[in-house]
Amino acid sequence: MNQFAIVIVYPEKMLEKVKNSGNIKVPMKREFTAVYEKQDGWVSAWIEEIPGVNTQGKTMREARANLKEALNLILEVNKSLSFGKSVNTKRETFSLVLSA
């Protein structure tokens, strides 16, 4: 079983534009562990940290591309589902450092 990190990186020009706008939050770099497993001519792939982010492809390249798309979709949907829940909902940036 091979493990790789997937990093979502935003172009530097986009970050500068967002930083200078004043009313838009700067996108953050996020790292996830992608796990790939070859079985019966297919490459299965999933994100270790987020249940439900999984896919497959005929090649490693296809599986990786599908996994990036699945991860982006899950993150977008989860974020949209959390907005407008109630007036009592609070949002904050949360950081966690895990020991090895």
PDB file of N, CA and C in Angstrom:
ATOM      1  N   MET A   1       0.844  -1.172   0.000  1.00  0.00           N
ATOM      2  CA  MET A   1       0.000   0.000   0.000  1.00  0.00           C
ATOM      3  C   MET A   1       0.891   1.236   0.000  1.00  0.00           C
ATOM      4  N   ASN A   2       0.634   2.155  -0.919  1.00  0.00           N
ATOM      5  CA  ASN A   2       1.389   3.399  -1.011  1.00  0.00           C
ATOM      6  C   ASN A   2       0.575   4.536  -0.439  1.00  0.00           C
ATOM      7  N   GLN A   3       1.255   5.459   0.227  1.00  0.00           N
ATOM      8  CA  GLN A   3       0.583   6.634   0.761  1.00  0.00           C
ATOM      9  C   GLN A   3       1.259   7.874   0.209  1.00  0.00           C
ATOM     10  N   PHE A   4       0.458   8.851  -0.174  1.00  0.00           N
ATOM     11  CA  PHE A   4       0.939  10.106  -0.710  1.00  0.00           C
ATOM     12  C   PHE A   4       0.167  11.231  -0.052  1.00  0.00           C
ATOM     13  N   ALA A   5       0.750  12.391   0.004  1.00  0.00           N
ATOM     14  CA  ALA A   5       0.037  13.560   0.516  1.00  0.00           C
ATOM     15  C   ALA A   5      -0.534  14.340  -0.652  1.00  0.00           C
ATOM     16  N   ILE A   6      -1.780  14.744  -0.547  1.00  0.00           N
ATOM     17  CA  ILE A   6      -2.380  15.629  -1.541  1.00  0.00           C
ATOM     18  C   ILE A   6      -2.429  17.009  -0.908  1.00  0.00           C
ATOM     19  N   VAL A   7      -1.919  17.982  -1.614  1.00  0.00           N
ATOM     20  CA  VAL A   7      -1.892  19.347  -1.112  1.00  0.00           C
ATOM     21  C   VAL A   7      -2.665  20.217  -2.089  1.00  0.00           C
ATOM     22  N   ILE A   8      -3.625  20.957  -1.572  1.00  0.00           N
ATOM     23  CA  ILE A   8      -4.361  21.897  -2.403  1.00  0.00           C
ATOM     24  C   ILE A   8      -3.620  23.226  -2.313  1.00  0.00           C
ATOM     25  N   VAL A   9      -3.101  23.700  -3.436  1.00  0.00           N
ATOM     26  CA  VAL A   9      -2.310  24.922  -3.457  1.00  0.00           C
ATOM     27  C   VAL A   9      -2.998  25.937  -4.366  1.00  0.00           C
ATOM     28  N   TYR A  10      -3.093  27.160  -3.889  1.00  0.00           N
ATOM     29  CA  TYR A  10      -3.697  28.223  -4.662  1.00  0.00           C
ATOM     30  C   TYR A  10      -2.592  29.062  -5.295  1.00  0.00           C
ATOM     31  N   PRO A  11      -2.767  29.495  -6.560  1.00  0.00           N
ATOM     32  CA  PRO A  11      -1.742  30.304  -7.219  1.00  0.00           C
ATOM     33  C   PRO A  11      -1.438  31.573  -6.425  1.00  0.00           C
ATOM     34  N   GLU A  12      -0.178  31.986  -6.433  1.00  0.00           N
ATOM     35  CA  GLU A  12       0.267  33.145  -5.654  1.00  0.00           C
ATOM     36  C   GLU A  12      -0.500  34.416  -6.021  1.00  0.00           C
ATOM     37  N   LYS A  13      -0.782  34.638  -7.312  1.00  0.00           N
ATOM     38  CA  LYS A  13      -1.515  35.832  -7.722  1.00  0.00           C
ATOM     39  C   LYS A  13      -2.916  35.846  -7.119  1.00  0.00           C
ATOM     40  N   MET A  14      -3.540  34.665  -7.047  1.00  0.00           N
ATOM     41  CA  MET A  14      -4.879  34.574  -6.460  1.00  0.00           C
ATOM     42  C   MET A  14      -4.819  34.908  -4.973  1.00  0.00           C
ATOM     43  N   LEU A  15      -3.804  34.406  -4.281  1.00  0.00           N
ATOM     44  CA  LEU A  15      -3.667  34.685  -2.852  1.00  0.00           C
ATOM     45  C   LEU A  15      -3.493  36.182  -2.609  1.00  0.00           C
ATOM     46  N   GLU A  16      -2.656  36.847  -3.416  1.00  0.00           N
ATOM     47  CA  GLU A  16      -2.439  38.279  -3.247  1.00  0.00           C
ATOM     48  C   GLU A  16      -3.731  39.065  -3.479  1.00  0.00           C
ATOM     49  N   LYS A  17      -4.478  38.701  -4.511  1.00  0.00           N
ATOM     50  CA  LYS A  17      -5.739  39.373  -4.813  1.00  0.00           C
ATOM     51  C   LYS A  17      -6.719  39.215  -3.655  1.00  0.00           C
ATOM     52  N   VAL A  18      -6.793  38.012  -3.119  1.00  0.00           N
ATOM     53  CA  VAL A  18      -7.703  37.742  -2.005  1.00  0.00           C
ATOM     54  C   VAL A  18      -7.248  38.474  -0.750  1.00  0.00           C
ATOM     55  N   LYS A  19      -5.949  38.461  -0.471  1.00  0.00           N
ATOM     56  CA  LYS A  19      -5.425  39.146   0.715  1.00  0.00           C
ATOM     57  C   LYS A  19      -5.719  40.640   0.665  1.00  0.00           C
ATOM     58  N   ASN A  20      -5.573  41.238  -0.524  1.00  0.00           N
ATOM     59  CA  ASN A  20      -5.743  42.686  -0.668  1.00  0.00           C
ATOM     60  C   ASN A  20      -7.198  43.126  -0.739  1.00  0.00           C
ATOM     61  N   SER A  21      -8.123  42.218  -0.900  1.00  0.00           N
ATOM     62  CA  SER A  21      -9.529  42.595  -1.033  1.00  0.00           C
ATOM     63  C   SER A  21     -10.125  43.040   0.297  1.00  0.00           C
ATOM     64  N   GLY A  22      -9.621  42.519   1.384  1.00  0.00           N
ATOM     65  CA  GLY A  22     -10.068  42.940   2.702  1.00  0.00           C
ATOM     66  C   GLY A  22     -11.317  42.253   3.225  1.00  0.00           C
ATOM     67  N   ASN A  23     -12.189  41.779   2.356  1.00  0.00           N
ATOM     68  CA  ASN A  23     -13.433  41.189   2.851  1.00  0.00           C
ATOM     69  C   ASN A  23     -13.575  39.712   2.501  1.00  0.00           C
ATOM     70  N   ILE A  24     -12.537  39.119   1.968  1.00  0.00           N
ATOM     71  CA  ILE A  24     -12.575  37.704   1.619  1.00  0.00           C
ATOM     72  C   ILE A  24     -11.501  36.980   2.418  1.00  0.00           C
ATOM     73  N   LYS A  25     -11.850  35.852   2.975  1.00  0.00           N
ATOM     74  CA  LYS A  25     -10.873  35.075   3.725  1.00  0.00           C
ATOM     75  C   LYS A  25      -9.867  34.428   2.775  1.00  0.00           C
ATOM     76  N   VAL A  26      -8.639  34.399   3.201  1.00  0.00           N
ATOM     77  CA  VAL A  26      -7.574  33.804   2.397  1.00  0.00           C
ATOM     78  C   VAL A  26      -7.696  32.280   2.444  1.00  0.00           C
ATOM     79  N   PRO A  27      -7.702  31.639   1.265  1.00  0.00           N
ATOM     80  CA  PRO A  27      -7.735  30.171   1.258  1.00  0.00           C
ATOM     81  C   PRO A  27      -6.490  29.634   1.951  1.00  0.00           C
ATOM     82  N   MET A  28      -6.651  28.537   2.649  1.00  0.00           N
ATOM     83  CA  MET A  28      -5.510  27.982   3.360  1.00  0.00           C
ATOM     84  C   MET A  28      -5.038  26.704   2.682  1.00  0.00           C
ATOM     85  N   LYS A  29      -3.784  26.433   2.863  1.00  0.00           N
ATOM     86  CA  LYS A  29      -3.206  25.195   2.355  1.00  0.00           C
ATOM     87  C   LYS A  29      -3.650  24.072   3.284  1.00  0.00           C
ATOM     88  N   ARG A  30      -4.118  23.010   2.700  1.00  0.00           N
ATOM     89  CA  ARG A  30      -4.563  21.852   3.486  1.00  0.00           C
ATOM     90  C   ARG A  30      -3.833  20.621   2.984  1.00  0.00           C
ATOM     91  N   GLU A  31      -3.424  19.786   3.869  1.00  0.00           N
ATOM     92  CA  GLU A  31      -2.745  18.555   3.485  1.00  0.00           C
ATOM     93  C   GLU A  31      -3.544  17.362   3.974  1.00  0.00           C
ATOM     94  N   PHE A  32      -3.659  16.368   3.108  1.00  0.00           N
ATOM     95  CA  PHE A  32      -4.383  15.143   3.418  1.00  0.00           C
ATOM     96  C   PHE A  32      -3.538  13.959   2.988  1.00  0.00           C
ATOM     97  N   THR A  33      -3.803  12.825   3.574  1.00  0.00           N
ATOM     98  CA  THR A  33      -3.095  11.609   3.194  1.00  0.00           C
ATOM     99  C   THR A  33      -3.943  10.814   2.223  1.00  0.00           C
ATOM    100  N   ALA A  34      -3.408  10.623   1.025  1.00  0.00           N
ATOM    101  CA  ALA A  34      -4.086   9.811   0.016  1.00  0.00           C
ATOM    102  C   ALA A  34      -3.507   8.406   0.068  1.00  0.00           C
ATOM    103  N   VAL A  35      -4.380   7.422   0.053  1.00  0.00           N
ATOM    104  CA  VAL A  35      -3.951   6.026   0.082  1.00  0.00           C
ATOM    105  C   VAL A  35      -4.385   5.380  -1.225  1.00  0.00           C
ATOM    106  N   TYR A  36      -3.460   4.675  -1.878  1.00  0.00           N
ATOM    107  CA  TYR A  36      -3.729   4.017  -3.153  1.00  0.00           C
ATOM    108  C   TYR A  36      -3.477   2.528  -3.000  1.00  0.00           C
ATOM    109  N   GLU A  37      -4.379   1.741  -3.594  1.00  0.00           N
ATOM    110  CA  GLU A  37      -4.241   0.292  -3.519  1.00  0.00           C
ATOM    111  C   GLU A  37      -4.626  -0.316  -4.873  1.00  0.00           C
ATOM    112  N   LYS A  38      -3.720  -1.101  -5.439  1.00  0.00           N
ATOM    113  CA  LYS A  38      -4.002  -1.748  -6.728  1.00  0.00           C
ATOM    114  C   LYS A  38      -4.711  -3.071  -6.485  1.00  0.00           C
ATOM    115  N   GLN A  39      -5.845  -3.259  -7.196  1.00  0.00           N
ATOM    116  CA  GLN A  39      -6.628  -4.496  -7.082  1.00  0.00           C
ATOM    117  C   GLN A  39      -7.298  -4.790  -8.409  1.00  0.00           C
ATOM    118  N   ASP A  40      -7.095  -5.972  -8.919  1.00  0.00           N
ATOM    119  CA  ASP A  40      -7.807  -6.449 -10.118  1.00  0.00           C
ATOM    120  C   ASP A  40      -7.800  -5.461 -11.281  1.00  0.00           C
ATOM    121  N   GLY A  41      -6.663  -4.877 -11.565  1.00  0.00           N
ATOM    122  CA  GLY A  41      -6.554  -3.971 -12.694  1.00  0.00           C
ATOM    123  C   GLY A  41      -7.041  -2.556 -12.436  1.00  0.00           C
ATOM    124  N   TRP A  42      -7.451  -2.255 -11.235  1.00  0.00           N
ATOM    125  CA  TRP A  42      -7.917  -0.921 -10.857  1.00  0.00           C
ATOM    126  C   TRP A  42      -7.055  -0.383  -9.729  1.00  0.00           C
ATOM    127  N   VAL A  43      -7.027   0.923  -9.601  1.00  0.00           N
ATOM    128  CA  VAL A  43      -6.350   1.569  -8.480  1.00  0.00           C
ATOM    129  C   VAL A  43      -7.431   2.216  -7.623  1.00  0.00           C
ATOM    130  N   SER A  44      -7.626   1.699  -6.424  1.00  0.00           N
ATOM    131  CA  SER A  44      -8.568   2.305  -5.471  1.00  0.00           C
ATOM    132  C   SER A  44      -7.825   3.402  -4.721  1.00  0.00           C
ATOM    133  N   ALA A  45      -8.531   4.474  -4.398  1.00  0.00           N
ATOM    134  CA  ALA A  45      -7.901   5.592  -3.706  1.00  0.00           C
ATOM    135  C   ALA A  45      -8.869   6.203  -2.716  1.00  0.00           C
ATOM    136  N   TRP A  46      -8.344   6.636  -1.587  1.00  0.00           N
ATOM    137  CA  TRP A  46      -9.187   7.308  -0.599  1.00  0.00           C
ATOM    138  C   TRP A  46      -8.336   8.252   0.231  1.00  0.00           C
ATOM    139  N   ILE A  47      -9.021   9.213   0.860  1.00  0.00           N
ATOM    140  CA  ILE A  47      -8.368  10.152   1.772  1.00  0.00           C
ATOM    141  C   ILE A  47      -8.535   9.600   3.178  1.00  0.00           C
ATOM    142  N   GLU A  48      -7.414   9.384   3.813  1.00  0.00           N
ATOM    143  CA  GLU A  48      -7.403   8.734   5.127  1.00  0.00           C
ATOM    144  C   GLU A  48      -8.167   9.530   6.188  1.00  0.00           C
ATOM    145  N   GLU A  49      -8.077  10.848   6.136  1.00  0.00           N
ATOM    146  CA  GLU A  49      -8.637  11.682   7.204  1.00  0.00           C
ATOM    147  C   GLU A  49     -10.118  12.003   7.054  1.00  0.00           C
ATOM    148  N   ILE A  50     -10.693  11.804   5.862  1.00  0.00           N
ATOM    149  CA  ILE A  50     -12.082  12.219   5.643  1.00  0.00           C
ATOM    150  C   ILE A  50     -12.895  11.051   5.098  1.00  0.00           C
ATOM    151  N   PRO A  51     -13.768  10.488   5.910  1.00  0.00           N
ATOM    152  CA  PRO A  51     -14.613   9.388   5.435  1.00  0.00           C
ATOM    153  C   PRO A  51     -15.464   9.825   4.240  1.00  0.00           C
ATOM    154  N   GLY A  52     -15.612   8.963   3.288  1.00  0.00           N
ATOM    155  CA  GLY A  52     -16.444   9.243   2.125  1.00  0.00           C
ATOM    156  C   GLY A  52     -15.696   9.782   0.925  1.00  0.00           C
ATOM    157  N   VAL A  53     -14.436  10.161   1.104  1.00  0.00           N
ATOM    158  CA  VAL A  53     -13.644  10.636  -0.035  1.00  0.00           C
ATOM    159  C   VAL A  53     -12.879   9.434  -0.574  1.00  0.00           C
ATOM    160  N   ASN A  54     -13.478   8.772  -1.556  1.00  0.00           N
ATOM    161  CA  ASN A  54     -12.849   7.602  -2.158  1.00  0.00           C
ATOM    162  C   ASN A  54     -13.251   7.495  -3.619  1.00  0.00           C
ATOM    163  N   THR A  55     -12.425   6.819  -4.394  1.00  0.00           N
ATOM    164  CA  THR A  55     -12.651   6.706  -5.828  1.00  0.00           C
ATOM    165  C   THR A  55     -11.778   5.589  -6.370  1.00  0.00           C
ATOM    166  N   GLN A  56     -11.740   5.489  -7.682  1.00  0.00           N
ATOM    167  CA  GLN A  56     -10.862   4.514  -8.322  1.00  0.00           C
ATOM    168  C   GLN A  56     -10.519   5.008  -9.722  1.00  0.00           C
ATOM    169  N   GLY A  57      -9.558   4.350 -10.341  1.00  0.00           N
ATOM    170  CA  GLY A  57      -9.175   4.669 -11.706  1.00  0.00           C
ATOM    171  C   GLY A  57      -8.417   3.502 -12.298  1.00  0.00           C
ATOM    172  N   LYS A  58      -8.320   3.472 -13.605  1.00  0.00           N
ATOM    173  CA  LYS A  58      -7.575   2.402 -14.278  1.00  0.00           C
ATOM    174  C   LYS A  58      -6.070   2.574 -14.075  1.00  0.00           C
ATOM    175  N   THR A  59      -5.633   3.825 -13.893  1.00  0.00           N
ATOM    176  CA  THR A  59      -4.216   4.112 -13.669  1.00  0.00           C
ATOM    177  C   THR A  59      -4.066   4.945 -12.409  1.00  0.00           C
ATOM    178  N   MET A  60      -2.845   5.051 -11.916  1.00  0.00           N
ATOM    179  CA  MET A  60      -2.567   5.874 -10.744  1.00  0.00           C
ATOM    180  C   MET A  60      -2.901   7.341 -11.050  1.00  0.00           C
ATOM    181  N   ARG A  61      -2.569   7.788 -12.246  1.00  0.00           N
ATOM    182  CA  ARG A  61      -2.844   9.174 -12.638  1.00  0.00           C
ATOM    183  C   ARG A  61      -4.348   9.450 -12.619  1.00  0.00           C
ATOM    184  N   GLU A  62      -5.132   8.535 -13.180  1.00  0.00           N
ATOM    185  CA  GLU A  62      -6.585   8.701 -13.212  1.00  0.00           C
ATOM    186  C   GLU A  62      -7.165   8.665 -11.792  1.00  0.00           C
ATOM    187  N   ALA A  63      -6.685   7.750 -10.969  1.00  0.00           N
ATOM    188  CA  ALA A  63      -7.168   7.657  -9.588  1.00  0.00           C
ATOM    189  C   ALA A  63      -6.841   8.927  -8.816  1.00  0.00           C
ATOM    190  N   ARG A  64      -5.639   9.475  -9.020  1.00  0.00           N
ATOM    191  CA  ARG A  64      -5.242  10.701  -8.331  1.00  0.00           C
ATOM    192  C   ARG A  64      -6.123  11.874  -8.769  1.00  0.00           C
ATOM    193  N   ALA A  65      -6.369  11.991 -10.063  1.00  0.00           N
ATOM    194  CA  ALA A  65      -7.229  13.076 -10.567  1.00  0.00           C
ATOM    195  C   ALA A  65      -8.652  12.933 -10.020  1.00  0.00           C
ATOM    196  N   ASN A  66      -9.170  11.715 -10.016  1.00  0.00           N
ATOM    197  CA  ASN A  66     -10.513  11.472  -9.472  1.00  0.00           C
ATOM    198  C   ASN A  66     -10.574  11.784  -7.984  1.00  0.00           C
ATOM    199  N   LEU A  67      -9.494  11.467  -7.269  1.00  0.00           N
ATOM    200  CA  LEU A  67      -9.455  11.698  -5.832  1.00  0.00           C
ATOM    201  C   LEU A  67      -9.446  13.198  -5.517  1.00  0.00           C
ATOM    202  N   LYS A  68      -8.690  13.961  -6.286  1.00  0.00           N
ATOM    203  CA  LYS A  68      -8.676  15.419  -6.085  1.00  0.00           C
ATOM    204  C   LYS A  68     -10.069  16.003  -6.312  1.00  0.00           C
ATOM    205  N   GLU A  69     -10.730  15.527  -7.351  1.00  0.00           N
ATOM    206  CA  GLU A  69     -12.090  16.007  -7.633  1.00  0.00           C
ATOM    207  C   GLU A  69     -13.044  15.620  -6.498  1.00  0.00           C
ATOM    208  N   ALA A  70     -12.968  14.379  -6.030  1.00  0.00           N
ATOM    209  CA  ALA A  70     -13.836  13.918  -4.944  1.00  0.00           C
ATOM    210  C   ALA A  70     -13.593  14.725  -3.667  1.00  0.00           C
ATOM    211  N   LEU A  71     -12.342  14.989  -3.353  1.00  0.00           N
ATOM    212  CA  LEU A  71     -12.004  15.756  -2.158  1.00  0.00           C
ATOM    213  C   LEU A  71     -12.554  17.175  -2.255  1.00  0.00           C
ATOM    214  N   ASN A  72     -12.349  17.822  -3.392  1.00  0.00           N
ATOM    215  CA  ASN A  72     -12.881  19.176  -3.565  1.00  0.00           C
ATOM    216  C   ASN A  72     -14.400  19.206  -3.429  1.00  0.00           C
ATOM    217  N   LEU A  73     -15.082  18.237  -4.015  1.00  0.00           N
ATOM    218  CA  LEU A  73     -16.543  18.181  -3.940  1.00  0.00           C
ATOM    219  C   LEU A  73     -17.020  17.995  -2.500  1.00  0.00           C
ATOM    220  N   ILE A  74     -16.400  17.075  -1.779  1.00  0.00           N
ATOM    221  CA  ILE A  74     -16.789  16.828  -0.379  1.00  0.00           C
ATOM    222  C   ILE A  74     -16.568  18.076   0.469  1.00  0.00           C
ATOM    223  N   LEU A  75     -15.427  18.738   0.295  1.00  0.00           N
ATOM    224  CA  LEU A  75     -15.155  19.942   1.078  1.00  0.00           C
ATOM    225  C   LEU A  75     -16.163  21.052   0.768  1.00  0.00           C
ATOM    226  N   GLU A  76     -16.501  21.223  -0.512  1.00  0.00           N
ATOM    227  CA  GLU A  76     -17.492  22.234  -0.901  1.00  0.00           C
ATOM    228  C   GLU A  76     -18.867  21.916  -0.310  1.00  0.00           C
ATOM    229  N   VAL A  77     -19.284  20.671  -0.421  1.00  0.00           N
ATOM    230  CA  VAL A  77     -20.602  20.274   0.086  1.00  0.00           C
ATOM    231  C   VAL A  77     -20.665  20.407   1.603  1.00  0.00           C
ATOM    232  N   ASN A  78     -19.641  19.939   2.296  1.00  0.00           N
ATOM    233  CA  ASN A  78     -19.634  20.046   3.759  1.00  0.00           C
ATOM    234  C   ASN A  78     -19.708  21.506   4.207  1.00  0.00           C
ATOM    235  N   LYS A  79     -18.981  22.372   3.504  1.00  0.00           N
ATOM    236  CA  LYS A  79     -19.006  23.787   3.861  1.00  0.00           C
ATOM    237  C   LYS A  79     -20.384  24.394   3.597  1.00  0.00           C
ATOM    238  N   SER A  80     -20.976  24.078   2.451  1.00  0.00           N
ATOM    239  CA  SER A  80     -22.294  24.643   2.135  1.00  0.00           C
ATOM    240  C   SER A  80     -23.366  24.124   3.087  1.00  0.00           C
ATOM    241  N   LEU A  81     -23.244  22.896   3.543  1.00  0.00           N
ATOM    242  CA  LEU A  81     -24.228  22.342   4.482  1.00  0.00           C
ATOM    243  C   LEU A  81     -24.135  22.985   5.858  1.00  0.00           C
ATOM    244  N   SER A  82     -22.957  23.490   6.212  1.00  0.00           N
ATOM    245  CA  SER A  82     -22.787  24.067   7.545  1.00  0.00           C
ATOM    246  C   SER A  82     -23.241  25.518   7.623  1.00  0.00           C
ATOM    247  N   PHE A  83     -23.387  26.208   6.487  1.00  0.00           N
ATOM    248  CA  PHE A  83     -23.850  27.596   6.495  1.00  0.00           C
ATOM    249  C   PHE A  83     -25.356  27.655   6.709  1.00  0.00           C
ATOM    250  N   GLY A  84     -25.783  28.634   7.466  1.00  0.00           N
ATOM    251  CA  GLY A  84     -27.204  28.881   7.643  1.00  0.00           C
ATOM    252  C   GLY A  84     -27.927  27.879   8.518  1.00  0.00           C
ATOM    253  N   LYS A  85     -27.204  27.120   9.321  1.00  0.00           N
ATOM    254  CA  LYS A  85     -27.858  26.137  10.187  1.00  0.00           C
ATOM    255  C   LYS A  85     -28.777  26.825  11.197  1.00  0.00           C
ATOM    256  N   SER A  86     -28.246  27.794  11.911  1.00  0.00           N
ATOM    257  CA  SER A  86     -29.061  28.552  12.861  1.00  0.00           C
ATOM    258  C   SER A  86     -28.291  29.796  13.266  1.00  0.00           C
ATOM    259  N   VAL A  87     -28.956  30.684  13.949  1.00  0.00           N
ATOM    260  CA  VAL A  87     -28.281  31.891  14.424  1.00  0.00           C
ATOM    261  C   VAL A  87     -27.303  31.566  15.540  1.00  0.00           C
ATOM    262  N   ASN A  88     -27.438  30.396  16.121  1.00  0.00           N
ATOM    263  CA  ASN A  88     -26.546  29.990  17.212  1.00  0.00           C
ATOM    264  C   ASN A  88     -25.283  29.290  16.725  1.00  0.00           C
ATOM    265  N   THR A  89     -25.125  29.168  15.418  1.00  0.00           N
ATOM    266  CA  THR A  89     -23.959  28.497  14.863  1.00  0.00           C
ATOM    267  C   THR A  89     -22.776  29.449  14.840  1.00  0.00           C
ATOM    268  N   LYS A  90     -21.639  28.966  15.286  1.00  0.00           N
ATOM    269  CA  LYS A  90     -20.411  29.754  15.287  1.00  0.00           C
ATOM    270  C   LYS A  90     -19.384  29.050  14.418  1.00  0.00           C
ATOM    271  N   ARG A  91     -18.651  29.812  13.623  1.00  0.00           N
ATOM    272  CA  ARG A  91     -17.594  29.258  12.777  1.00  0.00           C
ATOM    273  C   ARG A  91     -16.264  29.831  13.251  1.00  0.00           C
ATOM    274  N   GLU A  92     -15.225  28.998  13.269  1.00  0.00           N
ATOM    275  CA  GLU A  92     -13.891  29.467  13.613  1.00  0.00           C
ATOM    276  C   GLU A  92     -12.857  28.593  12.917  1.00  0.00           C
ATOM    277  N   THR A  93     -11.671  29.146  12.753  1.00  0.00           N
ATOM    278  CA  THR A  93     -10.573  28.372  12.213  1.00  0.00           C
ATOM    279  C   THR A  93     -10.036  27.498  13.346  1.00  0.00           C
ATOM    280  N   PHE A  94      -9.779  26.258  13.035  1.00  0.00           N
ATOM    281  CA  PHE A  94      -9.359  25.295  14.045  1.00  0.00           C
ATOM    282  C   PHE A  94      -8.079  24.626  13.570  1.00  0.00           C
ATOM    283  N   SER A  95      -7.093  24.563  14.431  1.00  0.00           N
ATOM    284  CA  SER A  95      -5.824  23.919  14.091  1.00  0.00           C
ATOM    285  C   SER A  95      -5.548  22.791  15.060  1.00  0.00           C
ATOM    286  N   LEU A  96      -4.931  21.762  14.545  1.00  0.00           N
ATOM    287  CA  LEU A  96      -4.595  20.613  15.370  1.00  0.00           C
ATOM    288  C   LEU A  96      -3.260  20.059  14.904  1.00  0.00           C
ATOM    289  N   VAL A  97      -2.352  19.878  15.817  1.00  0.00           N
ATOM    290  CA  VAL A  97      -1.069  19.262  15.483  1.00  0.00           C
ATOM    291  C   VAL A  97      -1.063  17.889  16.119  1.00  0.00           C
ATOM    292  N   LEU A  98      -0.914  16.881  15.285  1.00  0.00           N
ATOM    293  CA  LEU A  98      -0.895  15.506  15.772  1.00  0.00           C
ATOM    294  C   LEU A  98       0.530  15.048  15.970  1.00  0.00           C
ATOM    295  N   SER A  99       0.767  14.353  17.042  1.00  0.00           N
ATOM    296  CA  SER A  99       2.096  13.791  17.243  1.00  0.00           C
ATOM    297  C   SER A  99       2.233  12.527  16.407  1.00  0.00           C
ATOM    298  N   ALA A 100       3.434  12.278  15.959  1.00  0.00           N
ATOM    299  CA  ALA A 100       3.687  11.116  15.076  1.00  0.00           C
ATOM    300  C   ALA A 100       3.589   9.819  15.827  1.00  0.00           C
TER     301      ALA A 100
END
